[in-house]
């Protein structure tokens, strides 16, 4: 818990940014309790719904990038079949 508390303290990144990162990561890893916790922390920390949506969009595009990149694997399979 000490490591967690120290990590979430403002440093090179401010507290608001750290909350947004935690919220986006919680959504990307699909952890419902962390989503609830960090959504609440964001609201309490003055993060706007628009900021949360943008952070979530960044997480989604990064997580979705793997899906798009794996299209190459499908193309390789199709090529082997041809």
PDB file of N, CA and C in Angstrom:
ATOM      1  N   UNK A   1       0.816  -1.202   0.000  1.00  0.00           N
ATOM      2  CA  UNK A   1       0.000   0.000   0.000  1.00  0.00           C
ATOM      3  C   UNK A   1       0.855   1.259   0.000  1.00  0.00           C
ATOM      4  N   UNK A   2       2.028   1.193   0.620  1.00  0.00           N
ATOM      5  CA  UNK A   2       2.912   2.356   0.637  1.00  0.00           C
ATOM      6  C   UNK A   2       3.389   2.688  -0.778  1.00  0.00           C
ATOM      7  N   UNK A   3       3.709   1.651  -1.556  1.00  0.00           N
ATOM      8  CA  UNK A   3       4.143   1.855  -2.940  1.00  0.00           C
ATOM      9  C   UNK A   3       3.019   2.498  -3.746  1.00  0.00           C
ATOM     10  N   UNK A   4       1.794   1.977  -3.591  1.00  0.00           N
ATOM     11  CA  UNK A   4       0.630   2.536  -4.284  1.00  0.00           C
ATOM     12  C   UNK A   4       0.441   4.004  -3.912  1.00  0.00           C
ATOM     13  N   UNK A   5       0.436   4.299  -2.636  1.00  0.00           N
ATOM     14  CA  UNK A   5       0.223   5.672  -2.174  1.00  0.00           C
ATOM     15  C   UNK A   5       1.300   6.605  -2.712  1.00  0.00           C
ATOM     16  N   UNK A   6       2.548   6.165  -2.672  1.00  0.00           N
ATOM     17  CA  UNK A   6       3.643   6.992  -3.169  1.00  0.00           C
ATOM     18  C   UNK A   6       3.535   7.208  -4.672  1.00  0.00           C
ATOM     19  N   UNK A   7       3.133   6.176  -5.385  1.00  0.00           N
ATOM     20  CA  UNK A   7       2.996   6.274  -6.844  1.00  0.00           C
ATOM     21  C   UNK A   7       1.905   7.263  -7.232  1.00  0.00           C
ATOM     22  N   UNK A   8       0.830   7.287  -6.492  1.00  0.00           N
ATOM     23  CA  UNK A   8      -0.303   8.153  -6.844  1.00  0.00           C
ATOM     24  C   UNK A   8      -0.130   9.592  -6.368  1.00  0.00           C
ATOM     25  N   UNK A   9       0.897   9.861  -5.577  1.00  0.00           N
ATOM     26  CA  UNK A   9       1.183  11.240  -5.160  1.00  0.00           C
ATOM     27  C   UNK A   9       1.687  12.049  -6.354  1.00  0.00           C
ATOM     28  N   UNK A  10       1.366  13.341  -6.402  1.00  0.00           N
ATOM     29  CA  UNK A  10       1.894  14.177  -7.480  1.00  0.00           C
ATOM     30  C   UNK A  10       3.423  14.165  -7.485  1.00  0.00           C
ATOM     31  N   UNK A  11       3.968  14.118  -8.665  1.00  0.00           N
ATOM     32  CA  UNK A  11       5.416  14.157  -8.866  1.00  0.00           C
ATOM     33  C   UNK A  11       5.667  14.834 -10.196  1.00  0.00           C
ATOM     34  N   UNK A  12       6.370  14.156 -11.093  1.00  0.00           N
ATOM     35  CA  UNK A  12       6.544  14.679 -12.445  1.00  0.00           C
ATOM     36  C   UNK A  12       5.185  14.799 -13.137  1.00  0.00           C
ATOM     37  N   UNK A  13       4.243  13.926 -12.765  1.00  0.00           N
ATOM     38  CA  UNK A  13       2.854  14.016 -13.240  1.00  0.00           C
ATOM     39  C   UNK A  13       1.992  14.487 -12.082  1.00  0.00           C
ATOM     40  N   UNK A  14       1.056  15.368 -12.384  1.00  0.00           N
ATOM     41  CA  UNK A  14       0.160  15.827 -11.326  1.00  0.00           C
ATOM     42  C   UNK A  14      -0.876  14.755 -10.992  1.00  0.00           C
ATOM     43  N   UNK A  15      -1.560  14.944  -9.884  1.00  0.00           N
ATOM     44  CA  UNK A  15      -2.536  13.961  -9.410  1.00  0.00           C
ATOM     45  C   UNK A  15      -3.666  13.720 -10.391  1.00  0.00           C
ATOM     46  N   UNK A  16      -4.128  14.764 -11.047  1.00  0.00           N
ATOM     47  CA  UNK A  16      -5.211  14.629 -12.016  1.00  0.00           C
ATOM     48  C   UNK A  16      -4.792  13.726 -13.173  1.00  0.00           C
ATOM     49  N   UNK A  17      -3.591  13.933 -13.672  1.00  0.00           N
ATOM     50  CA  UNK A  17      -3.090  13.117 -14.779  1.00  0.00           C
ATOM     51  C   UNK A  17      -2.961  11.662 -14.355  1.00  0.00           C
ATOM     52  N   UNK A  18      -2.470  11.429 -13.154  1.00  0.00           N
ATOM     53  CA  UNK A  18      -2.334  10.060 -12.661  1.00  0.00           C
ATOM     54  C   UNK A  18      -3.696   9.388 -12.519  1.00  0.00           C
ATOM     55  N   UNK A  19      -4.693  10.126 -12.076  1.00  0.00           N
ATOM     56  CA  UNK A  19      -6.048   9.563 -11.980  1.00  0.00           C
ATOM     57  C   UNK A  19      -6.574   9.198 -13.359  1.00  0.00           C
ATOM     58  N   UNK A  20      -6.340  10.065 -14.347  1.00  0.00           N
ATOM     59  CA  UNK A  20      -6.787   9.777 -15.709  1.00  0.00           C
ATOM     60  C   UNK A  20      -6.086   8.547 -16.277  1.00  0.00           C
ATOM     61  N   UNK A  21      -4.791   8.425 -16.029  1.00  0.00           N
ATOM     62  CA  UNK A  21      -4.059   7.250 -16.500  1.00  0.00           C
ATOM     63  C   UNK A  21      -4.637   5.992 -15.849  1.00  0.00           C
ATOM     64  N   UNK A  22      -4.837   6.046 -14.544  1.00  0.00           N
ATOM     65  CA  UNK A  22      -5.379   4.886 -13.825  1.00  0.00           C
ATOM     66  C   UNK A  22      -6.762   4.521 -14.352  1.00  0.00           C
ATOM     67  N   UNK A  23      -7.588   5.523 -14.614  1.00  0.00           N
ATOM     68  CA  UNK A  23      -8.931   5.281 -15.152  1.00  0.00           C
ATOM     69  C   UNK A  23      -8.846   4.616 -16.529  1.00  0.00           C
ATOM     70  N   UNK A  24      -7.986   5.140 -17.393  1.00  0.00           N
ATOM     71  CA  UNK A  24      -7.854   4.585 -18.742  1.00  0.00           C
ATOM     72  C   UNK A  24      -7.326   3.153 -18.694  1.00  0.00           C
ATOM     73  N   UNK A  25      -6.321   2.904 -17.867  1.00  0.00           N
ATOM     74  CA  UNK A  25      -5.760   1.556 -17.749  1.00  0.00           C
ATOM     75  C   UNK A  25      -6.803   0.591 -17.189  1.00  0.00           C
ATOM     76  N   UNK A  26      -7.549   1.020 -16.181  1.00  0.00           N
ATOM     77  CA  UNK A  26      -8.588   0.164 -15.593  1.00  0.00           C
ATOM     78  C   UNK A  26      -9.593  -0.272 -16.656  1.00  0.00           C
ATOM     79  N   UNK A  27      -9.948   0.648 -17.542  1.00  0.00           N
ATOM     80  CA  UNK A  27     -10.859   0.302 -18.629  1.00  0.00           C
ATOM     81  C   UNK A  27     -10.190  -0.620 -19.632  1.00  0.00           C
ATOM     82  N   UNK A  28      -8.938  -0.358 -19.957  1.00  0.00           N
ATOM     83  CA  UNK A  28      -8.234  -1.178 -20.944  1.00  0.00           C
ATOM     84  C   UNK A  28      -8.081  -2.620 -20.475  1.00  0.00           C
ATOM     85  N   UNK A  29      -7.868  -2.812 -19.165  1.00  0.00           N
ATOM     86  CA  UNK A  29      -7.722  -4.175 -18.643  1.00  0.00           C
ATOM     87  C   UNK A  29      -9.058  -4.743 -18.178  1.00  0.00           C
ATOM     88  N   UNK A  30     -10.114  -3.960 -18.322  1.00  0.00           N
ATOM     89  CA  UNK A  30     -11.487  -4.367 -18.009  1.00  0.00           C
ATOM     90  C   UNK A  30     -11.650  -4.846 -16.572  1.00  0.00           C
ATOM     91  N   UNK A  31     -11.196  -4.004 -15.645  1.00  0.00           N
ATOM     92  CA  UNK A  31     -11.275  -4.304 -14.214  1.00  0.00           C
ATOM     93  C   UNK A  31     -12.383  -3.450 -13.600  1.00  0.00           C
ATOM     94  N   UNK A  32     -13.594  -4.012 -13.420  1.00  0.00           N
ATOM     95  CA  UNK A  32     -14.746  -3.199 -13.027  1.00  0.00           C
ATOM     96  C   UNK A  32     -14.592  -2.448 -11.705  1.00  0.00           C
ATOM     97  N   UNK A  33     -13.956  -3.059 -10.713  1.00  0.00           N
ATOM     98  CA  UNK A  33     -13.821  -2.372  -9.435  1.00  0.00           C
ATOM     99  C   UNK A  33     -12.879  -1.176  -9.559  1.00  0.00           C
ATOM    100  N   UNK A  34     -11.819  -1.334 -10.330  1.00  0.00           N
ATOM    101  CA  UNK A  34     -10.899  -0.207 -10.557  1.00  0.00           C
ATOM    102  C   UNK A  34     -11.550   0.867 -11.419  1.00  0.00           C
ATOM    103  N   UNK A  35     -12.376   0.460 -12.376  1.00  0.00           N
ATOM    104  CA  UNK A  35     -13.100   1.444 -13.189  1.00  0.00           C
ATOM    105  C   UNK A  35     -13.961   2.308 -12.271  1.00  0.00           C
ATOM    106  N   UNK A  36     -14.725   1.666 -11.404  1.00  0.00           N
ATOM    107  CA  UNK A  36     -15.572   2.417 -10.464  1.00  0.00           C
ATOM    108  C   UNK A  36     -14.733   3.318  -9.569  1.00  0.00           C
ATOM    109  N   UNK A  37     -13.658   2.767  -9.026  1.00  0.00           N
ATOM    110  CA  UNK A  37     -12.821   3.513  -8.102  1.00  0.00           C
ATOM    111  C   UNK A  37     -12.195   4.735  -8.771  1.00  0.00           C
ATOM    112  N   UNK A  38     -11.631   4.539  -9.965  1.00  0.00           N
ATOM    113  CA  UNK A  38     -10.948   5.659 -10.615  1.00  0.00           C
ATOM    114  C   UNK A  38     -11.913   6.609 -11.308  1.00  0.00           C
ATOM    115  N   UNK A  39     -13.078   6.148 -11.724  1.00  0.00           N
ATOM    116  CA  UNK A  39     -14.097   7.076 -12.227  1.00  0.00           C
ATOM    117  C   UNK A  39     -14.500   8.021 -11.096  1.00  0.00           C
ATOM    118  N   UNK A  40     -14.702   7.451  -9.919  1.00  0.00           N
ATOM    119  CA  UNK A  40     -15.041   8.254  -8.752  1.00  0.00           C
ATOM    120  C   UNK A  40     -13.908   9.206  -8.383  1.00  0.00           C
ATOM    121  N   UNK A  41     -12.676   8.695  -8.381  1.00  0.00           N
ATOM    122  CA  UNK A  41     -11.522   9.538  -8.050  1.00  0.00           C
ATOM    123  C   UNK A  41     -11.362  10.675  -9.053  1.00  0.00           C
ATOM    124  N   UNK A  42     -11.627  10.381 -10.319  1.00  0.00           N
ATOM    125  CA  UNK A  42     -11.546  11.435 -11.343  1.00  0.00           C
ATOM    126  C   UNK A  42     -12.577  12.526 -11.081  1.00  0.00           C
ATOM    127  N   UNK A  43     -13.805  12.125 -10.838  1.00  0.00           N
ATOM    128  CA  UNK A  43     -14.858  13.112 -10.562  1.00  0.00           C
ATOM    129  C   UNK A  43     -14.499  13.931  -9.333  1.00  0.00           C
ATOM    130  N   UNK A  44     -14.070  13.259  -8.280  1.00  0.00           N
ATOM    131  CA  UNK A  44     -13.676  13.953  -7.049  1.00  0.00           C
ATOM    132  C   UNK A  44     -12.479  14.874  -7.279  1.00  0.00           C
ATOM    133  N   UNK A  45     -11.618  14.516  -8.234  1.00  0.00           N
ATOM    134  CA  UNK A  45     -10.423  15.305  -8.528  1.00  0.00           C
ATOM    135  C   UNK A  45     -10.641  16.408  -9.544  1.00  0.00           C
ATOM    136  N   UNK A  46     -11.902  16.619  -9.936  1.00  0.00           N
ATOM    137  CA  UNK A  46     -12.198  17.708 -10.859  1.00  0.00           C
ATOM    138  C   UNK A  46     -11.993  17.385 -12.328  1.00  0.00           C
ATOM    139  N   UNK A  47     -11.895  16.107 -12.653  1.00  0.00           N
ATOM    140  CA  UNK A  47     -11.740  15.704 -14.050  1.00  0.00           C
ATOM    141  C   UNK A  47     -13.106  15.755 -14.719  1.00  0.00           C
ATOM    142  N   UNK A  48     -13.156  16.370 -15.882  1.00  0.00           N
ATOM    143  CA  UNK A  48     -14.435  16.501 -16.587  1.00  0.00           C
ATOM    144  C   UNK A  48     -14.780  15.206 -17.322  1.00  0.00           C
ATOM    145  N   UNK A  49     -16.062  14.999 -17.594  1.00  0.00           N
ATOM    146  CA  UNK A  49     -16.442  13.835 -18.395  1.00  0.00           C
ATOM    147  C   UNK A  49     -15.753  13.831 -19.766  1.00  0.00           C
ATOM    148  N   UNK A  50     -15.530  15.009 -20.331  1.00  0.00           N
ATOM    149  CA  UNK A  50     -14.854  15.091 -21.629  1.00  0.00           C
ATOM    150  C   UNK A  50     -13.400  14.619 -21.531  1.00  0.00           C
ATOM    151  N   UNK A  51     -12.732  14.981 -20.438  1.00  0.00           N
ATOM    152  CA  UNK A  51     -11.357  14.527 -20.222  1.00  0.00           C
ATOM    153  C   UNK A  51     -11.315  13.015 -20.023  1.00  0.00           C
ATOM    154  N   UNK A  52     -12.277  12.488 -19.267  1.00  0.00           N
ATOM    155  CA  UNK A  52     -12.338  11.045 -19.046  1.00  0.00           C
ATOM    156  C   UNK A  52     -12.592  10.317 -20.367  1.00  0.00           C
ATOM    157  N   UNK A  53     -13.497  10.855 -21.184  1.00  0.00           N
ATOM    158  CA  UNK A  53     -13.803  10.235 -22.471  1.00  0.00           C
ATOM    159  C   UNK A  53     -12.578  10.242 -23.375  1.00  0.00           C
ATOM    160  N   UNK A  54     -11.820  11.325 -23.369  1.00  0.00           N
ATOM    161  CA  UNK A  54     -10.630  11.392 -24.210  1.00  0.00           C
ATOM    162  C   UNK A  54      -9.560  10.397 -23.735  1.00  0.00           C
ATOM    163  N   UNK A  55      -9.367  10.306 -22.433  1.00  0.00           N
ATOM    164  CA  UNK A  55      -8.411   9.334 -21.893  1.00  0.00           C
ATOM    165  C   UNK A  55      -8.841   7.916 -22.249  1.00  0.00           C
ATOM    166  N   UNK A  56     -10.136   7.654 -22.138  1.00  0.00           N
ATOM    167  CA  UNK A  56     -10.662   6.334 -22.481  1.00  0.00           C
ATOM    168  C   UNK A  56     -10.464   6.043 -23.961  1.00  0.00           C
ATOM    169  N   UNK A  57     -10.636   7.052 -24.797  1.00  0.00           N
ATOM    170  CA  UNK A  57     -10.435   6.878 -26.236  1.00  0.00           C
ATOM    171  C   UNK A  57      -8.982   6.536 -26.546  1.00  0.00           C
ATOM    172  N   UNK A  58      -8.042   7.163 -25.843  1.00  0.00           N
ATOM    173  CA  UNK A  58      -6.624   6.844 -26.035  1.00  0.00           C
ATOM    174  C   UNK A  58      -6.373   5.381 -25.665  1.00  0.00           C
ATOM    175  N   UNK A  59      -6.900   4.951 -24.533  1.00  0.00           N
ATOM    176  CA  UNK A  59      -6.717   3.554 -24.113  1.00  0.00           C
ATOM    177  C   UNK A  59      -7.326   2.600 -25.135  1.00  0.00           C
ATOM    178  N   UNK A  60      -8.496   2.940 -25.648  1.00  0.00           N
ATOM    179  CA  UNK A  60      -9.167   2.071 -26.619  1.00  0.00           C
ATOM    180  C   UNK A  60      -8.383   1.964 -27.919  1.00  0.00           C
ATOM    181  N   UNK A  61      -7.835   3.072 -28.382  1.00  0.00           N
ATOM    182  CA  UNK A  61      -7.103   3.030 -29.649  1.00  0.00           C
ATOM    183  C   UNK A  61      -5.800   2.240 -29.497  1.00  0.00           C
ATOM    184  N   UNK A  62      -5.152   2.342 -28.347  1.00  0.00           N
ATOM    185  CA  UNK A  62      -3.933   1.579 -28.121  1.00  0.00           C
ATOM    186  C   UNK A  62      -4.265   0.092 -27.976  1.00  0.00           C
ATOM    187  N   UNK A  63      -5.267  -0.220 -27.178  1.00  0.00           N
ATOM    188  CA  UNK A  63      -5.664  -1.623 -27.006  1.00  0.00           C
ATOM    189  C   UNK A  63      -6.159  -2.207 -28.324  1.00  0.00           C
ATOM    190  N   UNK A  64      -6.914  -1.436 -29.083  1.00  0.00           N
ATOM    191  CA  UNK A  64      -7.428  -1.896 -30.374  1.00  0.00           C
ATOM    192  C   UNK A  64      -6.356  -2.031 -31.437  1.00  0.00           C
ATOM    193  N   UNK A  65      -5.239  -1.360 -31.252  1.00  0.00           N
ATOM    194  CA  UNK A  65      -4.158  -1.444 -32.224  1.00  0.00           C
ATOM    195  C   UNK A  65      -3.680  -2.865 -32.436  1.00  0.00           C
ATOM    196  N   UNK A  66      -3.685  -3.644 -31.383  1.00  0.00           N
ATOM    197  CA  UNK A  66      -3.288  -5.042 -31.498  1.00  0.00           C
ATOM    198  C   UNK A  66      -4.228  -5.825 -32.393  1.00  0.00           C
ATOM    199  N   UNK A  67      -5.512  -5.531 -32.304  1.00  0.00           N
ATOM    200  CA  UNK A  67      -6.496  -6.198 -33.153  1.00  0.00           C
ATOM    201  C   UNK A  67      -6.212  -5.877 -34.617  1.00  0.00           C
ATOM    202  N   UNK A  68      -5.981  -4.616 -34.908  1.00  0.00           N
ATOM    203  CA  UNK A  68      -5.693  -4.199 -36.279  1.00  0.00           C
ATOM    204  C   UNK A  68      -4.382  -4.821 -36.762  1.00  0.00           C
ATOM    205  N   UNK A  69      -3.360  -4.813 -35.908  1.00  0.00           N
ATOM    206  CA  UNK A  69      -2.061  -5.367 -36.284  1.00  0.00           C
ATOM    207  C   UNK A  69      -2.135  -6.862 -36.570  1.00  0.00           C
ATOM    208  N   UNK A  70      -3.027  -7.560 -35.906  1.00  0.00           N
ATOM    209  CA  UNK A  70      -3.146  -9.002 -36.129  1.00  0.00           C
ATOM    210  C   UNK A  70      -3.791  -9.334 -37.468  1.00  0.00           C
ATOM    211  N   UNK A  71      -4.282  -8.333 -38.162  1.00  0.00           N
ATOM    212  CA  UNK A  71      -4.784  -8.539 -39.511  1.00  0.00           C
ATOM    213  C   UNK A  71      -3.671  -9.133 -40.379  1.00  0.00           C
ATOM    214  N   UNK A  72      -2.432  -8.739 -40.138  1.00  0.00           N
ATOM    215  CA  UNK A  72      -1.292  -9.295 -40.876  1.00  0.00           C
ATOM    216  C   UNK A  72      -1.222 -10.803 -40.678  1.00  0.00           C
ATOM    217  N   UNK A  73      -1.533 -11.277 -39.496  1.00  0.00           N
ATOM    218  CA  UNK A  73      -1.539 -12.710 -39.233  1.00  0.00           C
ATOM    219  C   UNK A  73      -2.609 -13.390 -40.087  1.00  0.00           C
ATOM    220  N   UNK A  74      -3.769 -12.778 -40.190  1.00  0.00           N
ATOM    221  CA  UNK A  74      -4.829 -13.320 -41.027  1.00  0.00           C
ATOM    222  C   UNK A  74      -4.388 -13.357 -42.486  1.00  0.00           C
ATOM    223  N   UNK A  75      -3.761 -12.281 -42.936  1.00  0.00           N
ATOM    224  CA  UNK A  75      -3.292 -12.239 -44.321  1.00  0.00           C
ATOM    225  C   UNK A  75      -2.262 -13.330 -44.585  1.00  0.00           C
ATOM    226  N   UNK A  76      -1.383 -13.590 -43.625  1.00  0.00           N
ATOM    227  CA  UNK A  76      -0.407 -14.674 -43.772  1.00  0.00           C
ATOM    228  C   UNK A  76      -1.098 -16.035 -43.874  1.00  0.00           C
ATOM    229  N   UNK A  77      -2.130 -16.236 -43.076  1.00  0.00           N
ATOM    230  CA  UNK A  77      -2.892 -17.483 -43.143  1.00  0.00           C
ATOM    231  C   UNK A  77      -3.555 -17.642 -44.497  1.00  0.00           C
ATOM    232  N   UNK A  78      -4.158 -16.584 -44.968  1.00  0.00           N
ATOM    233  CA  UNK A  78      -4.814 -16.617 -46.295  1.00  0.00           C
ATOM    234  C   UNK A  78      -3.785 -16.912 -47.387  1.00  0.00           C
ATOM    235  N   UNK A  79      -2.617 -16.283 -47.288  1.00  0.00           N
ATOM    236  CA  UNK A  79      -1.568 -16.495 -48.290  1.00  0.00           C
ATOM    237  C   UNK A  79      -1.101 -17.955 -48.299  1.00  0.00           C
ATOM    238  N   UNK A  80      -0.988 -18.551 -47.108  1.00  0.00           N
ATOM    239  CA  UNK A  80      -0.566 -19.969 -47.039  1.00  0.00           C
ATOM    240  C   UNK A  80      -1.613 -20.882 -47.665  1.00  0.00           C
ATOM    241  N   UNK A  81      -2.860 -20.500 -47.588  1.00  0.00           N
ATOM    242  CA  UNK A  81      -3.949 -21.306 -48.143  1.00  0.00           C
ATOM    243  C   UNK A  81      -4.031 -21.186 -49.662  1.00  0.00           C
ATOM    244  N   UNK A  82      -3.521 -20.058 -50.187  1.00  0.00           N
ATOM    245  CA  UNK A  82      -3.657 -19.771 -51.631  1.00  0.00           C
ATOM    246  C   UNK A  82      -2.700 -20.434 -52.506  1.00  0.00           C
TER     247      UNK A  82
END
